[in-house]
Amino acid sequence: HKNNFEKTPQKNNVYAVHFSGSKPLMELDSARTAGAGVLSIHPLKSFASIPQAIKTLKDTEYGITYNTPQGGRLAKSIVKILGGHSIIVEDSKKPLYHAAACIASNYLVTLIDYAVYINEKIGIKPEDSIKGLLSLVEGTVKNIGETGTKKSLTGPIARGDTETIKDHIKNFNNLFSKEDTVVYKLMGKKTAEIAKQNGWIDGRTYKELINILKDETG
């Protein structure tokens, strides 16, 4: 607690640690002022269930932030004891590091829920939809682990199949709100960028895809 640090001077080798992925070391200024070292150790782990998280803690990546060599050694030692791996995150870059984690974890939930919602609109029950989509997602995640994100891309945009994308958008426009369609288009544009970077589609196809996926709500 902040008041405890302010009232009790700390001796050497005492460290205060916070576990936030986004907050800077400045959050521990009262501890630092009282003479303690400060660290941040953030597990890249989803804690929807604490017992399950504890069971799967081994091999977790931890974002560590420190301001002294001694602090760095301590942070790495703690992570090693936990059976994890360290990623050094600059204090000023923590918000973006945390945003990346949110995209990969929190927004993945949103993305799958969005797909379930689309299937529900065409008469597929959520429980059936989730089962099928999870099988698809698990295969994709396995591919990412083996070959990285860019080389794991499949589907119509990766093939440069502009007609299929046009058909998707036509059907979105018939059944869904503009906001729902915009989400699809934004994801499609980012996907087209990956396909172009991979050299799987040429410049002309890329431009055609971007034009098809143009946001016309504004």
Protein backbone atom coordinates (compact mmCIF):
# COMPACT_ATOMS: atom_id res chain seq x y z
CA HIS A 1 0.00 0.00 0.00
CA LYS A 2 1.25 3.50 -0.87
CA ASN A 3 1.02 4.77 2.73
CA ASN A 4 2.99 1.81 4.07
CA PHE A 5 5.91 2.63 1.78
CA GLU A 6 5.78 6.30 2.67
CA LYS A 7 5.86 5.56 6.41
CA THR A 8 8.41 2.74 6.37
CA PRO A 9 11.84 3.36 4.78
CA GLN A 10 12.90 0.33 2.75
CA LYS A 11 16.24 -1.44 3.02
CA ASN A 12 18.39 -2.56 0.10
CA ASN A 13 17.18 -5.56 -1.93
CA VAL A 14 13.52 -4.80 -1.23
CA TYR A 15 11.48 -4.65 -4.43
CA ALA A 16 7.94 -3.60 -5.21
CA VAL A 17 6.42 -5.36 -8.22
CA HIS A 18 3.25 -4.67 -10.17
CA PHE A 19 1.73 -7.02 -12.70
CA SER A 20 -0.05 -4.60 -15.03
CA GLY A 21 0.70 -4.88 -18.73
CA SER A 22 -0.06 -1.22 -19.44
CA LYS A 23 0.89 0.79 -16.34
CA PRO A 24 4.41 2.31 -16.10
CA LEU A 25 6.89 1.90 -13.26
CA MET A 26 5.81 5.36 -12.12
CA GLU A 27 2.85 3.61 -10.45
CA LEU A 28 5.39 2.41 -7.87
CA ASP A 29 6.96 5.84 -7.23
CA SER A 30 6.07 5.82 -3.54
CA ALA A 31 7.99 2.55 -3.13
CA ARG A 32 10.94 3.84 -5.15
CA THR A 33 11.05 7.08 -3.13
CA ALA A 34 11.13 5.00 0.06
CA GLY A 35 14.20 3.17 -1.23
CA ALA A 36 12.74 0.05 -2.79
CA GLY A 37 13.56 -1.22 -6.26
CA VAL A 38 10.67 -1.35 -8.73
CA LEU A 39 9.71 -3.93 -11.33
CA SER A 40 6.83 -4.83 -13.58
CA ILE A 41 6.23 -8.47 -14.49
CA HIS A 42 3.22 -9.06 -16.74
CA PRO A 43 2.14 -12.59 -17.69
CA LEU A 44 0.85 -12.94 -21.23
CA LYS A 45 -1.89 -15.20 -19.99
CA SER A 46 -5.68 -15.03 -20.00
CA PHE A 47 -7.03 -15.41 -16.46
CA ALA A 48 -10.68 -16.22 -17.17
CA SER A 49 -10.18 -19.13 -14.73
CA ILE A 50 -7.44 -18.77 -12.12
CA PRO A 51 -7.07 -22.54 -11.41
CA GLN A 52 -6.72 -23.24 -15.15
CA ALA A 53 -4.27 -20.35 -15.56
CA ILE A 54 -2.09 -21.74 -12.75
CA LYS A 55 -2.08 -25.18 -14.39
CA THR A 56 -0.91 -23.68 -17.69
CA LEU A 57 1.55 -21.14 -16.25
CA LYS A 58 4.62 -23.08 -17.40
CA ASP A 59 6.17 -21.74 -20.63
CA THR A 60 4.21 -18.47 -20.35
CA GLU A 61 5.83 -15.35 -21.80
CA TYR A 62 6.23 -12.45 -19.36
CA GLY A 63 6.69 -8.82 -20.31
CA ILE A 64 9.25 -7.45 -17.84
CA THR A 65 10.12 -3.80 -17.20
CA TYR A 66 12.87 -2.55 -14.88
CA ASN A 67 15.13 0.46 -14.41
CA THR A 68 18.35 -1.05 -13.02
CA PRO A 69 20.54 -4.01 -14.06
CA GLN A 70 19.93 -5.61 -10.66
CA GLY A 71 16.19 -5.24 -11.16
CA GLY A 72 16.47 -6.84 -14.57
CA ARG A 73 18.34 -9.83 -13.17
CA LEU A 74 15.73 -10.25 -10.44
CA ALA A 75 12.82 -10.04 -12.88
CA LYS A 76 14.41 -12.64 -15.16
CA SER A 77 15.10 -14.91 -12.17
CA ILE A 78 11.48 -14.72 -11.02
CA VAL A 79 10.24 -15.56 -14.50
CA LYS A 80 12.67 -18.48 -14.73
CA ILE A 81 11.47 -19.85 -11.37
CA LEU A 82 7.91 -19.70 -12.72
CA GLY A 83 9.01 -21.72 -15.74
CA GLY A 84 8.40 -18.85 -18.13
CA HIS A 85 10.26 -16.76 -20.69
CA SER A 86 11.07 -13.04 -20.49
CA ILE A 87 10.29 -10.30 -23.01
CA ILE A 88 11.86 -6.94 -22.16
CA VAL A 89 9.34 -4.10 -22.61
CA GLU A 90 10.43 -0.45 -22.46
CA ASP A 91 8.50 1.49 -19.84
CA SER A 92 7.22 4.09 -22.31
CA LYS A 93 6.10 1.38 -24.78
CA LYS A 94 3.96 -0.61 -22.34
CA PRO A 95 0.58 0.75 -23.53
CA LEU A 96 1.23 -0.52 -27.07
CA TYR A 97 2.61 -3.83 -25.80
CA HIS A 98 -0.61 -4.20 -23.81
CA ALA A 99 -2.75 -3.16 -26.79
CA ALA A 100 -1.15 -5.95 -28.84
CA ALA A 101 -2.04 -8.42 -26.09
CA CYS A 102 -5.63 -7.12 -26.04
CA ILE A 103 -5.93 -7.55 -29.80
CA ALA A 104 -4.61 -11.12 -29.70
CA SER A 105 -6.70 -12.23 -26.72
CA ASN A 106 -9.67 -9.97 -25.92
CA TYR A 107 -10.45 -9.03 -29.50
CA LEU A 108 -10.15 -12.66 -30.60
CA VAL A 109 -13.19 -13.31 -28.40
CA THR A 110 -14.96 -10.41 -30.10
CA LEU A 111 -13.98 -11.67 -33.55
CA ILE A 112 -15.29 -15.19 -32.93
CA ASP A 113 -18.46 -13.78 -31.37
CA TYR A 114 -18.87 -11.69 -34.54
CA ALA A 115 -18.59 -14.84 -36.68
CA VAL A 116 -21.08 -16.66 -34.42
CA TYR A 117 -23.45 -13.69 -34.80
CA ILE A 118 -23.22 -13.87 -38.60
CA ASN A 119 -23.96 -17.60 -38.59
CA GLU A 120 -26.86 -17.09 -36.20
CA LYS A 121 -28.37 -14.60 -38.68
CA ILE A 122 -28.48 -17.36 -41.31
CA GLY A 123 -29.98 -19.97 -38.98
CA ILE A 124 -26.97 -21.75 -37.49
CA LYS A 125 -27.27 -22.30 -33.74
CA PRO A 126 -24.50 -20.68 -31.65
CA GLU A 127 -23.47 -24.00 -30.07
CA ASP A 128 -23.03 -25.59 -33.51
CA SER A 129 -21.31 -22.50 -34.84
CA ILE A 130 -18.81 -22.31 -31.98
CA LYS A 131 -17.86 -25.97 -32.37
CA GLY A 132 -17.09 -25.59 -36.06
CA LEU A 133 -15.39 -22.22 -35.78
CA LEU A 134 -13.15 -23.34 -32.90
CA SER A 135 -11.91 -26.26 -34.98
CA LEU A 136 -11.06 -23.77 -37.74
CA VAL A 137 -9.39 -21.33 -35.33
CA GLU A 138 -7.36 -24.05 -33.60
CA GLY A 139 -5.98 -25.18 -36.96
CA THR A 140 -5.07 -21.60 -37.84
CA VAL A 141 -3.37 -21.00 -34.48
CA LYS A 142 -1.38 -24.23 -34.93
CA ASN A 143 -0.25 -23.02 -38.36
CA ILE A 144 0.79 -19.65 -36.90
CA GLY A 145 2.88 -21.42 -34.27
CA GLU A 146 4.64 -23.42 -36.98
CA THR A 147 5.07 -20.88 -39.80
CA GLY A 148 4.25 -17.42 -38.37
CA THR A 149 1.29 -15.16 -39.07
CA LYS A 150 1.89 -14.11 -42.65
CA LYS A 151 2.50 -17.56 -44.13
CA SER A 152 -0.54 -18.96 -42.31
CA LEU A 153 -2.98 -16.82 -44.29
CA THR A 154 -5.49 -18.76 -46.40
CA GLY A 155 -8.82 -17.97 -48.03
CA PRO A 156 -10.14 -15.83 -50.88
CA ILE A 157 -8.01 -12.74 -50.28
CA ALA A 158 -4.83 -14.84 -50.11
CA ARG A 159 -5.84 -16.29 -53.50
CA GLY A 160 -6.80 -12.91 -54.96
CA ASP A 161 -10.39 -14.11 -55.42
CA THR A 162 -12.08 -10.74 -55.80
CA GLU A 163 -15.42 -12.19 -56.93
CA THR A 164 -15.90 -14.07 -53.66
CA ILE A 165 -15.19 -10.90 -51.66
CA LYS A 166 -17.72 -8.99 -53.76
CA ASP A 167 -20.27 -11.72 -53.04
CA HIS A 168 -19.54 -11.52 -49.30
CA ILE A 169 -20.13 -7.77 -49.25
CA LYS A 170 -23.27 -8.00 -51.39
CA ASN A 171 -24.78 -10.43 -48.88
CA PHE A 172 -23.63 -8.36 -45.92
CA ASN A 173 -25.36 -5.33 -47.41
CA ASN A 174 -28.59 -7.32 -47.80
CA LEU A 175 -28.74 -8.64 -44.25
CA PHE A 176 -26.50 -6.66 -41.90
CA SER A 177 -26.04 -3.11 -40.68
CA LYS A 178 -23.40 -0.81 -42.17
CA GLU A 179 -21.43 -1.10 -38.93
CA ASP A 180 -21.28 -4.90 -39.25
CA THR A 181 -20.14 -4.58 -42.86
CA VAL A 182 -17.44 -2.05 -41.92
CA VAL A 183 -15.88 -4.56 -39.50
CA TYR A 184 -15.63 -7.11 -42.32
CA LYS A 185 -14.14 -4.53 -44.68
CA LEU A 186 -11.52 -3.32 -42.18
CA MET A 187 -10.35 -6.87 -41.51
CA GLY A 188 -10.34 -7.54 -45.24
CA LYS A 189 -8.08 -4.56 -45.94
CA LYS A 190 -5.54 -5.68 -43.33
CA THR A 191 -5.68 -9.18 -44.80
CA ALA A 192 -5.05 -7.83 -48.30
CA GLU A 193 -1.94 -6.08 -46.99
CA ILE A 194 -0.59 -9.41 -45.73
CA ALA A 195 -1.35 -11.13 -49.04
CA LYS A 196 0.49 -8.37 -50.90
CA GLN A 197 3.49 -8.54 -48.53
CA ASN A 198 3.66 -12.28 -49.16
CA GLY A 199 3.72 -11.70 -52.91
CA TRP A 200 0.59 -13.81 -53.33
CA ILE A 201 -1.37 -11.06 -55.06
CA ASP A 202 -0.05 -8.47 -57.50
CA GLY A 203 -0.45 -4.72 -57.25
CA ARG A 204 -3.49 -4.62 -59.52
CA THR A 205 -5.35 -7.27 -57.52
CA TYR A 206 -4.44 -5.52 -54.28
CA LYS A 207 -5.85 -2.21 -55.54
CA GLU A 208 -9.01 -3.94 -56.72
CA LEU A 209 -9.48 -5.55 -53.32
CA ILE A 210 -8.93 -2.26 -51.50
CA ASN A 211 -11.50 -0.60 -53.76
CA ILE A 212 -14.03 -3.38 -53.11
CA LEU A 213 -13.39 -3.11 -49.37
CA LYS A 214 -13.62 0.68 -49.28
CA ASP A 215 -15.62 2.06 -46.37
CA GLU A 216 -18.49 4.04 -47.88
CA THR A 217 -20.32 4.81 -44.63
CA GLY A 218 -18.84 8.29 -44.32
